[in-house]
């Protein structure tokens, strides 16, 4: 099968765009499929080099993570939606012919662009957060508009998420019910045994405002003062890193899983409002390895952690609250470590890159409509 992989977020190495592309494209290529990735028009050369073996092109003129306010302070979301739908439609005309398209992170304007072109190719589009369906936000209304347009244009589109909660939140605005849950494209393997002591604490990812605790320097300094080894990653060179003596600072690494595996606890200091119903790739890595992890109450990562009993939660995104969660983890470390290890064995049996790629191929095949509708009825 010839498959096009479409991601206007493929720009730089930080974040999960490059990692997801490597994993999914790698599995598809290994299964004998002819794959080609299309990324942002100004994609950094390191990203091109990392995907060159599959086939990679600079294409999309609109970068996926541009904020709506950059279009207009008052009606930014509407202006962005309309403007980018036109631009994306023009860009899509340059794609090679293929049997299926994968959108690893699809947006309403991408769907509207496909509707304008009346695309006939089967497509799978992934989403990672709830746009505010229950509260009828403007973003959710734009999603509904795009999905109604897709139905009218006869698009063969299946929406997908990696977390069941995201699917449940989306379903009220999906007119044909075609929304499935995919296995997480994770490649980490469970540690051979539970960790026995909490000595090293890790902070990972593309550091930006929505992923950083208030008073991060103070938190890191207190952790070091209490005798913990601390690893702090900032995979992006666009944002400054904390400057705390005694903290091991790392940048982008090719094998993030190996760095996380060195830790005994992973801290996810997510902004509670923005991660209320948003997926976390870093949590997935910790769950697959079997390493205890902590995140805020009131977030999707927090609910997953609590359900799996793999770590404590903190009540706010401040240094004092996170420090209390770490201290609680120390006192109950054997409990969390054993639960994390047991959970990892089950988690990786259900979630891995090969299963994810196979599920996508099935959706892109002849039974795409029936497969999506069957899960929608479950």
Protein backbone atom coordinates (compact mmCIF):
# COMPACT_ATOMS: atom_id res chain seq x y z
CA UNK A 1 0.00 0.00 0.00
CA UNK A 2 1.24 3.52 -0.82
CA UNK A 3 0.74 5.71 2.24
CA UNK A 4 1.26 9.46 2.67
CA UNK A 5 2.05 10.72 6.18
CA UNK A 6 0.93 14.35 6.58
CA UNK A 7 2.20 16.43 9.50
CA UNK A 8 2.63 20.20 9.36
CA UNK A 9 4.08 19.92 12.88
CA UNK A 10 7.17 18.16 11.52
CA UNK A 11 9.47 21.12 11.92
CA UNK A 12 12.13 20.56 14.59
CA UNK A 13 13.30 17.63 16.71
CA UNK A 14 11.72 18.77 19.99
CA UNK A 15 8.37 17.28 20.94
CA UNK A 16 6.82 14.05 19.71
CA UNK A 17 6.28 14.76 16.02
CA UNK A 18 9.62 13.35 14.87
CA UNK A 19 9.48 10.41 17.28
CA UNK A 20 5.96 9.39 16.24
CA UNK A 21 6.94 9.66 12.57
CA UNK A 22 9.96 7.43 13.09
CA UNK A 23 7.94 4.80 14.90
CA UNK A 24 4.86 4.66 12.69
CA UNK A 25 6.70 5.03 9.39
CA UNK A 26 9.29 2.50 10.54
CA UNK A 27 6.65 -0.11 11.24
CA UNK A 28 4.80 0.59 8.00
CA UNK A 29 8.00 0.34 5.96
CA UNK A 30 9.00 -2.86 7.74
CA UNK A 31 5.62 -4.33 6.78
CA UNK A 32 6.36 -3.61 3.13
CA UNK A 33 4.34 -0.43 2.61
CA UNK A 34 5.57 2.43 0.41
CA UNK A 35 5.58 5.45 2.74
CA UNK A 36 6.35 9.13 2.27
CA UNK A 37 6.18 11.91 4.87
CA UNK A 38 5.23 15.53 4.24
CA UNK A 39 6.18 18.15 6.84
CA UNK A 40 6.38 21.89 7.37
CA UNK A 41 7.87 23.87 4.48
CA UNK A 42 10.64 25.26 6.71
CA UNK A 43 11.43 21.95 8.42
CA UNK A 44 14.90 21.79 9.95
CA UNK A 45 17.48 19.68 8.15
CA UNK A 46 17.93 17.39 11.19
CA UNK A 47 14.30 16.31 10.83
CA UNK A 48 14.73 15.68 7.11
CA UNK A 49 17.83 13.61 7.81
CA UNK A 50 16.00 11.60 10.46
CA UNK A 51 13.25 10.56 8.04
CA UNK A 52 15.16 10.49 4.75
CA UNK A 53 15.16 6.69 4.56
CA UNK A 54 11.36 6.71 4.24
CA UNK A 55 10.99 9.63 1.87
CA UNK A 56 10.35 13.12 3.21
CA UNK A 57 9.25 16.41 1.63
CA UNK A 58 8.88 19.96 2.87
CA UNK A 59 5.32 20.96 1.97
CA UNK A 60 2.93 22.71 4.36
CA UNK A 61 3.22 26.49 4.43
CA UNK A 62 1.24 26.81 7.68
CA UNK A 63 2.98 25.50 10.81
CA UNK A 64 0.67 23.39 12.95
CA UNK A 65 1.46 25.11 16.25
CA UNK A 66 0.85 28.74 15.22
CA UNK A 67 -1.54 30.33 17.72
CA UNK A 68 -4.84 31.82 16.60
CA UNK A 69 -3.99 35.25 18.05
CA UNK A 70 -1.27 35.60 15.44
CA UNK A 71 -4.04 35.81 12.84
CA UNK A 72 -6.34 38.20 14.68
CA UNK A 73 -6.68 39.32 18.31
CA UNK A 74 -10.49 39.27 18.20
CA UNK A 75 -11.57 36.48 15.83
CA UNK A 76 -8.31 34.58 15.55
CA UNK A 77 -9.73 31.05 15.59
CA UNK A 78 -12.24 31.75 12.84
CA UNK A 79 -9.73 33.65 10.70
CA UNK A 80 -7.12 30.92 11.14
CA UNK A 81 -9.61 28.16 10.32
CA UNK A 82 -10.75 29.81 7.09
CA UNK A 83 -7.31 30.96 5.98
CA UNK A 84 -5.47 27.72 6.64
CA UNK A 85 -8.20 25.59 5.07
CA UNK A 86 -7.49 27.37 1.79
CA UNK A 87 -3.71 27.13 2.11
CA UNK A 88 -3.72 23.46 3.13
CA UNK A 89 -6.01 22.62 0.19
CA UNK A 90 -3.51 24.17 -2.21
CA UNK A 91 -0.64 22.29 -0.56
CA UNK A 92 -2.46 18.95 -0.74
CA UNK A 93 -2.67 19.23 -4.52
CA UNK A 94 1.11 18.61 -4.58
CA UNK A 95 0.95 15.19 -2.90
CA UNK A 96 1.91 12.05 -4.76
CA UNK A 97 -0.90 9.59 -5.53
CA UNK A 98 -1.42 7.14 -2.66
CA UNK A 99 -3.80 4.49 -1.33
CA UNK A 100 -4.17 6.11 2.08
CA UNK A 101 -3.30 9.19 4.10
CA UNK A 102 -2.30 9.39 7.75
CA UNK A 103 -2.71 12.65 9.66
CA UNK A 104 -0.85 12.06 12.99
CA UNK A 105 -2.41 15.26 14.32
CA UNK A 106 -5.37 16.48 12.33
CA UNK A 107 -7.12 19.85 12.74
CA UNK A 108 -10.49 21.20 11.59
CA UNK A 109 -8.83 23.24 8.83
CA UNK A 110 -7.14 20.09 7.50
CA UNK A 111 -10.53 18.38 7.31
CA UNK A 112 -12.10 21.43 5.65
CA UNK A 113 -9.28 21.44 3.09
CA UNK A 114 -9.92 17.78 2.27
CA UNK A 115 -13.63 18.49 1.93
CA UNK A 116 -12.97 21.36 -0.47
CA UNK A 117 -10.90 18.97 -2.63
CA UNK A 118 -13.42 16.14 -2.16
CA UNK A 119 -10.57 13.77 -1.37
CA UNK A 120 -11.50 10.15 -2.10
CA UNK A 121 -8.46 8.52 -0.50
CA UNK A 122 -9.11 6.75 2.86
CA UNK A 123 -7.70 8.81 5.73
CA UNK A 124 -6.99 8.35 9.43
CA UNK A 125 -6.62 11.52 11.50
CA UNK A 126 -5.43 11.52 15.13
CA UNK A 127 -6.40 13.95 17.88
CA UNK A 128 -4.75 14.37 21.28
CA UNK A 129 -7.06 16.64 23.25
CA UNK A 130 -10.68 17.62 23.73
CA UNK A 131 -11.41 21.00 22.09
CA UNK A 132 -14.10 21.75 24.69
CA UNK A 133 -17.08 19.80 23.37
CA UNK A 134 -19.04 19.80 26.62
CA UNK A 135 -18.78 23.57 27.05
CA UNK A 136 -19.41 24.29 23.35
CA UNK A 137 -16.25 26.31 22.84
CA UNK A 138 -15.61 28.05 19.54
CA UNK A 139 -12.91 25.47 18.79
CA UNK A 140 -15.40 22.63 19.27
CA UNK A 141 -17.89 24.41 17.00
CA UNK A 142 -15.24 24.68 14.28
CA UNK A 143 -14.57 20.97 14.66
CA UNK A 144 -18.29 20.27 14.26
CA UNK A 145 -18.46 22.48 11.18
CA UNK A 146 -15.49 20.66 9.62
CA UNK A 147 -16.90 17.21 10.40
CA UNK A 148 -20.32 18.07 8.98
CA UNK A 149 -18.58 19.32 5.87
CA UNK A 150 -16.60 16.09 5.66
CA UNK A 151 -19.79 14.06 5.78
CA UNK A 152 -21.34 16.20 3.07
CA UNK A 153 -18.26 15.85 0.86
CA UNK A 154 -18.23 12.08 1.33
CA UNK A 155 -14.76 11.93 2.88
CA UNK A 156 -13.50 8.49 3.88
CA UNK A 157 -12.11 9.82 7.17
CA UNK A 158 -11.74 8.00 10.47
CA UNK A 159 -10.77 10.01 13.53
CA UNK A 160 -8.60 8.30 16.13
CA UNK A 161 -7.06 8.90 19.54
CA UNK A 162 -4.68 6.95 21.74
CA UNK A 163 -6.73 7.49 24.91
CA UNK A 164 -10.35 6.31 25.28
CA UNK A 165 -11.33 9.44 27.22
CA UNK A 166 -10.49 11.68 24.25
CA UNK A 167 -12.75 9.57 22.03
CA UNK A 168 -15.60 9.72 24.54
CA UNK A 169 -15.35 13.49 24.74
CA UNK A 170 -15.35 13.88 20.95
CA UNK A 171 -18.19 11.53 20.09
CA UNK A 172 -21.08 14.04 20.55
CA UNK A 173 -19.78 16.11 17.60
CA UNK A 174 -18.80 13.24 15.27
CA UNK A 175 -21.81 12.99 12.91
CA UNK A 176 -21.07 9.49 11.58
CA UNK A 177 -19.56 8.04 14.77
CA UNK A 178 -16.32 7.13 13.02
CA UNK A 179 -13.86 7.64 15.85
CA UNK A 180 -11.65 4.78 17.11
CA UNK A 181 -9.03 4.25 19.80
CA UNK A 182 -5.58 3.15 18.58
CA UNK A 183 -2.78 1.41 20.51
CA UNK A 184 -0.14 3.84 21.71
CA UNK A 185 2.90 3.83 19.35
CA UNK A 186 5.33 3.12 22.18
CA UNK A 187 8.53 1.08 21.84
CA UNK A 188 9.74 1.03 25.44
CA UNK A 189 9.90 -2.33 27.19
CA UNK A 190 9.16 -2.94 30.90
CA UNK A 191 12.15 -2.86 33.21
CA UNK A 192 13.27 -6.35 34.29
CA UNK A 193 12.21 -5.70 37.90
CA UNK A 194 10.55 -2.97 40.01
CA UNK A 195 12.74 -0.12 41.15
CA UNK A 196 13.72 -0.40 44.81
CA UNK A 197 14.55 3.18 45.85
CA UNK A 198 13.79 6.71 44.75
CA UNK A 199 17.13 8.31 44.00
CA UNK A 200 16.86 9.97 40.58
CA UNK A 201 14.00 12.25 39.50
CA UNK A 202 13.46 13.22 35.88
CA UNK A 203 11.81 16.12 34.05
CA UNK A 204 11.57 15.61 30.30
CA UNK A 205 10.35 17.00 27.02
CA UNK A 206 10.03 20.19 25.04
CA UNK A 207 9.95 22.72 27.86
CA UNK A 208 7.43 25.51 27.40
CA UNK A 209 4.99 27.45 29.57
CA UNK A 210 2.26 24.80 29.65
CA UNK A 211 4.71 22.12 30.78
CA UNK A 212 6.72 23.91 33.44
CA UNK A 213 6.07 24.26 37.15
CA UNK A 214 5.93 27.69 38.71
CA UNK A 215 9.15 28.28 40.59
CA UNK A 216 11.03 25.53 38.72
CA UNK A 217 14.46 26.77 39.86
CA UNK A 218 13.35 26.67 43.49
CA UNK A 219 11.88 23.17 43.09
CA UNK A 220 15.01 21.78 41.46
CA UNK A 221 17.24 23.38 44.10
CA UNK A 222 15.16 21.85 46.91
CA UNK A 223 15.29 18.41 45.31
CA UNK A 224 19.06 18.60 45.00
CA UNK A 225 19.35 19.84 48.60
CA UNK A 226 17.40 16.78 49.77
CA UNK A 227 19.91 14.48 48.13
CA UNK A 228 18.06 13.54 44.95
CA UNK A 229 19.83 13.20 41.63
CA UNK A 230 17.88 15.28 39.12
CA UNK A 231 17.84 15.02 35.33
CA UNK A 232 16.24 17.92 33.48
CA UNK A 233 15.72 17.76 29.74
CA UNK A 234 14.90 20.63 27.44
CA UNK A 235 14.71 19.18 23.94
CA UNK A 236 14.20 22.60 22.37
CA UNK A 237 16.88 25.25 21.95
CA UNK A 238 14.19 27.91 21.53
CA UNK A 239 13.27 28.12 25.22
CA UNK A 240 15.63 28.76 28.16
CA UNK A 241 16.44 26.03 30.67
CA UNK A 242 16.67 26.39 34.46
CA UNK A 243 20.10 27.14 35.88
CA UNK A 244 20.49 25.14 39.09
CA UNK A 245 23.77 23.77 40.39
CA UNK A 246 23.80 20.01 40.73
CA UNK A 247 21.09 19.32 38.14
CA UNK A 248 22.04 17.18 35.15
CA UNK A 249 20.90 19.15 32.12
CA UNK A 250 20.34 17.42 28.78
CA UNK A 251 19.03 18.58 25.42
CA UNK A 252 17.58 16.59 22.56
CA UNK A 253 18.53 12.90 22.68
CA UNK A 254 17.90 10.23 20.06
CA UNK A 255 16.93 7.70 22.71
CA UNK A 256 14.64 9.45 25.18
CA UNK A 257 13.39 6.12 26.51
CA UNK A 258 16.88 5.28 27.78
CA UNK A 259 17.10 8.58 29.66
CA UNK A 260 13.71 8.08 31.29
CA UNK A 261 14.71 4.53 32.23
CA UNK A 262 17.57 5.93 34.34
CA UNK A 263 15.06 7.64 36.63
CA UNK A 264 13.09 6.33 39.60
CA UNK A 265 10.34 8.96 39.35
CA UNK A 266 9.16 11.11 36.44
CA UNK A 267 7.54 14.47 37.22
CA UNK A 268 5.03 15.92 34.74
CA UNK A 269 4.41 19.53 35.86
CA UNK A 270 1.65 20.17 33.35
CA UNK A 271 -0.60 23.20 33.35
CA UNK A 272 -3.86 21.89 34.80
CA UNK A 273 -6.21 23.81 32.53
CA UNK A 274 -4.42 22.98 29.29
CA UNK A 275 -3.96 19.31 30.16
CA UNK A 276 -7.46 18.82 31.56
CA UNK A 277 -8.22 16.50 28.65
CA UNK A 278 -4.93 16.17 26.79
CA UNK A 279 -2.72 13.18 26.06
CA UNK A 280 0.92 12.90 27.23
CA UNK A 281 3.62 11.02 25.34
CA UNK A 282 5.98 11.27 28.30
CA UNK A 283 3.44 9.51 30.52
CA UNK A 284 3.19 6.74 27.94
CA UNK A 285 6.96 6.18 28.11
CA UNK A 286 6.92 5.97 31.90
CA UNK A 287 3.93 3.60 31.90
CA UNK A 288 5.60 1.30 29.38
CA UNK A 289 8.88 1.21 31.31
CA UNK A 290 7.20 0.69 34.67
CA UNK A 291 8.59 3.81 36.34
CA UNK A 292 6.51 5.68 38.94
CA UNK A 293 5.24 9.04 37.71
CA UNK A 294 3.45 12.06 39.16
CA UNK A 295 1.24 14.74 37.57
CA UNK A 296 -1.47 17.19 38.68
CA UNK A 297 -4.99 16.36 39.79
CA UNK A 298 -7.60 17.54 37.29
CA UNK A 299 -5.63 16.41 34.21
CA UNK A 300 -5.98 13.43 31.91
CA UNK A 301 -2.43 12.26 32.77
CA UNK A 302 -3.36 12.53 36.45
CA UNK A 303 -6.48 10.42 35.99
CA UNK A 304 -4.50 7.73 34.18
CA UNK A 305 -1.85 7.70 36.91
CA UNK A 306 -4.46 7.48 39.67
CA UNK A 307 -6.35 4.65 37.93
CA UNK A 308 -3.14 2.67 37.49
CA UNK A 309 -1.85 3.51 41.01
CA UNK A 310 1.63 4.20 39.68
CA UNK A 311 2.30 7.42 41.55
CA UNK A 312 0.91 10.23 43.70
CA UNK A 313 -0.67 13.40 42.31
CA UNK A 314 -0.14 17.04 43.26
CA UNK A 315 -2.88 19.60 43.78
CA UNK A 316 -1.30 22.58 42.00
CA UNK A 317 1.48 23.28 39.56
CA UNK A 318 3.65 25.00 42.18
CA UNK A 319 6.98 23.94 43.64
CA UNK A 320 5.66 23.28 47.17
CA UNK A 321 2.84 21.00 45.96
CA UNK A 322 5.15 19.02 43.69
CA UNK A 323 7.70 18.63 46.49
CA UNK A 324 4.99 17.19 48.77
CA UNK A 325 4.09 14.67 46.06
CA UNK A 326 7.74 13.63 45.78
CA UNK A 327 7.98 13.18 49.55
CA UNK A 328 4.81 11.05 49.45
CA UNK A 329 6.37 8.95 46.69
CA UNK A 330 9.44 8.38 48.84
CA UNK A 331 7.37 7.12 51.78
CA UNK A 332 5.32 4.78 49.57
CA UNK A 333 7.88 3.94 46.93
CA UNK A 334 7.67 0.16 47.14
CA UNK A 335 3.89 0.33 46.54
CA UNK A 336 4.17 2.60 43.49
CA UNK A 337 7.19 0.80 42.01
CA UNK A 338 5.55 -2.63 42.19
CA UNK A 339 2.30 -1.33 40.71
CA UNK A 340 4.19 0.45 37.94
CA UNK A 341 6.07 -2.72 37.03
CA UNK A 342 2.92 -4.88 36.94
CA UNK A 343 1.07 -2.24 34.95
CA UNK A 344 3.92 -1.97 32.41
CA UNK A 345 3.73 -5.65 31.53
CA UNK A 346 0.03 -5.38 30.72
CA UNK A 347 0.39 -1.95 29.11
CA UNK A 348 3.07 -3.00 26.61
CA UNK A 349 1.12 -6.15 25.73
CA UNK A 350 -1.68 -3.87 24.50
CA UNK A 351 0.31 -0.89 23.22
CA UNK A 352 3.26 -0.77 20.84
CA UNK A 353 4.23 0.73 17.49
CA UNK A 354 3.60 -2.45 15.53
CA UNK A 355 0.03 -2.76 16.84
CA UNK A 356 -0.58 0.93 16.14
CA UNK A 357 0.65 0.72 12.54
CA UNK A 358 -1.32 -2.46 11.89
CA UNK A 359 -4.52 -0.87 13.21
CA UNK A 360 -4.04 2.16 10.96
CA UNK A 361 -3.46 -0.02 7.89
CA UNK A 362 -6.65 -1.91 8.65
CA UNK A 363 -8.58 1.35 8.82
CA UNK A 364 -7.09 2.47 5.51
CA UNK A 365 -8.01 -0.81 3.85
CA UNK A 366 -11.23 -2.05 2.35
CA UNK A 367 -12.90 -2.51 5.72
CA UNK A 368 -12.14 1.01 6.96
CA UNK A 369 -15.77 2.10 7.21
CA UNK A 370 -17.02 -1.11 8.82
CA UNK A 371 -14.08 -1.26 11.27
CA UNK A 372 -14.64 2.30 12.44
CA UNK A 373 -18.39 1.93 12.73
CA UNK A 374 -18.03 -1.36 14.64
CA UNK A 375 -15.92 0.29 17.35
CA UNK A 376 -18.26 3.29 17.45
CA UNK A 377 -21.09 0.92 18.37
CA UNK A 378 -19.13 -0.73 21.24
